[in-house]
Amino acid sequence: MNVEYLPLVIEEATEVIKAATKILRFGPNRRYPSGDHAGETNTEALSMEIGDLVEVIDRLGLPSEIIERGRDKKQAQLKKWGPQRSDSELDASLAELREKS
């Protein structure tokens, strides 16, 4: 394992959390007014940050078979416990969150 990439994994994971939070607060289509993602929608910014995270995760050099086992386990969990709401229910939840902020 290339431990020198761990600080970058932490940093990029934090950026993914920040971008996801912006979608919850402001919606997926609102555009960033400034900064690294100026002009991008919140969805585009999240996509870019996930790409950054995947790249540094790949550079850790972890065993792919163990990563795949983890993915398989998560897929099974999501089938059982994942989001069960329709798009309209999710849109209503997002609208409610925006009203509270």
Protein backbone atom coordinates (compact mmCIF):
# COMPACT_ATOMS: atom_id res chain seq x y z
CA MET A 1 0.00 0.00 0.00
CA ASN A 2 1.24 3.45 -0.91
CA VAL A 3 0.58 5.21 2.40
CA GLU A 4 1.80 8.53 1.03
CA TYR A 5 -1.58 8.82 -0.71
CA LEU A 6 -3.62 8.47 2.50
CA PRO A 7 -3.63 12.23 3.24
CA LEU A 8 -4.92 12.82 -0.30
CA VAL A 9 -7.66 10.21 0.17
CA ILE A 10 -8.76 12.00 3.33
CA GLU A 11 -8.67 15.39 1.60
CA GLU A 12 -10.62 14.19 -1.44
CA ALA A 13 -13.18 12.33 0.69
CA THR A 14 -13.78 15.59 2.52
CA GLU A 15 -14.31 17.38 -0.80
CA VAL A 16 -16.88 14.74 -1.83
CA ILE A 17 -18.73 15.29 1.46
CA LYS A 18 -18.68 19.05 0.90
CA ALA A 19 -20.00 18.74 -2.67
CA ALA A 20 -22.75 16.31 -1.61
CA THR A 21 -23.78 18.65 1.18
CA LYS A 22 -24.11 21.53 -1.30
CA ILE A 23 -26.58 19.45 -3.31
CA LEU A 24 -28.65 18.84 -0.19
CA ARG A 25 -28.56 22.51 0.80
CA PHE A 26 -28.90 24.23 -2.58
CA GLY A 27 -30.08 21.57 -5.05
CA PRO A 28 -28.31 19.66 -7.82
CA ASN A 29 -28.52 22.33 -10.52
CA ARG A 30 -27.32 25.43 -8.69
CA ARG A 31 -24.06 26.75 -10.07
CA TYR A 32 -20.94 27.55 -8.10
CA PRO A 33 -20.38 31.32 -8.19
CA SER A 34 -16.59 31.13 -7.65
CA GLY A 35 -13.70 28.88 -6.69
CA ASP A 36 -12.40 25.69 -8.26
CA HIS A 37 -15.86 24.78 -9.56
CA ALA A 38 -16.96 28.24 -10.76
CA GLY A 39 -19.76 27.89 -13.31
CA GLU A 40 -20.30 24.18 -12.66
CA THR A 41 -23.53 22.82 -11.23
CA ASN A 42 -23.41 21.14 -7.85
CA THR A 43 -23.89 17.80 -9.62
CA GLU A 44 -20.93 18.47 -11.91
CA ALA A 45 -18.79 19.50 -8.94
CA LEU A 46 -19.72 16.30 -7.07
CA SER A 47 -18.87 14.24 -10.14
CA MET A 48 -15.46 15.90 -10.45
CA GLU A 49 -14.71 15.39 -6.76
CA ILE A 50 -15.68 11.72 -6.97
CA GLY A 51 -13.30 11.40 -9.91
CA ASP A 52 -10.52 12.94 -7.84
CA LEU A 53 -11.26 10.55 -4.98
CA VAL A 54 -11.30 7.47 -7.22
CA GLU A 55 -7.94 8.47 -8.69
CA VAL A 56 -6.19 8.76 -5.33
CA ILE A 57 -7.86 5.56 -4.09
CA ASP A 58 -6.48 3.77 -7.15
CA ARG A 59 -3.01 5.10 -6.34
CA LEU A 60 -3.11 3.52 -2.88
CA GLY A 61 -2.45 0.19 -4.55
CA LEU A 62 -4.94 -1.79 -2.48
CA PRO A 63 -5.80 -5.36 -3.55
CA SER A 64 -8.59 -5.16 -6.14
CA GLU A 65 -10.13 -8.47 -5.07
CA ILE A 66 -10.71 -7.13 -1.55
CA ILE A 67 -12.15 -3.89 -2.94
CA GLU A 68 -14.53 -5.96 -5.08
CA ARG A 69 -15.60 -7.99 -2.03
CA GLY A 70 -16.38 -4.73 -0.27
CA ARG A 71 -18.39 -3.50 -3.25
CA ASP A 72 -20.33 -6.77 -3.44
CA LYS A 73 -21.14 -6.54 0.27
CA LYS A 74 -22.31 -2.92 -0.10
CA GLN A 75 -24.47 -3.82 -3.12
CA ALA A 76 -26.23 -6.50 -1.07
CA GLN A 77 -26.74 -4.03 1.78
CA LEU A 78 -28.16 -1.42 -0.57
CA LYS A 79 -30.62 -3.91 -2.04
CA LYS A 80 -31.91 -4.52 1.45
CA TRP A 81 -31.46 -1.12 3.14
CA GLY A 82 -30.82 1.42 0.35
CA PRO A 83 -33.04 4.35 -0.55
CA GLN A 84 -36.57 3.18 -1.21
CA ARG A 85 -38.11 6.53 -2.04
CA SER A 86 -39.29 7.73 -5.44
CA ASP A 87 -37.73 10.71 -7.21
CA SER A 88 -40.70 12.89 -6.27
CA GLU A 89 -40.31 11.96 -2.59
CA LEU A 90 -36.60 12.78 -2.76
CA ASP A 91 -37.36 16.12 -4.45
CA ALA A 92 -39.84 16.96 -1.69
CA SER A 93 -37.25 16.07 0.96
CA LEU A 94 -34.67 18.30 -0.70
CA ALA A 95 -37.17 21.18 -0.91
CA GLU A 96 -37.92 20.79 2.80
CA LEU A 97 -34.21 20.85 3.66
CA ARG A 98 -33.72 24.02 1.60
CA GLU A 99 -36.64 25.73 3.36
CA LYS A 100 -35.11 25.00 6.77
CA SER A 101 -31.71 26.49 5.89
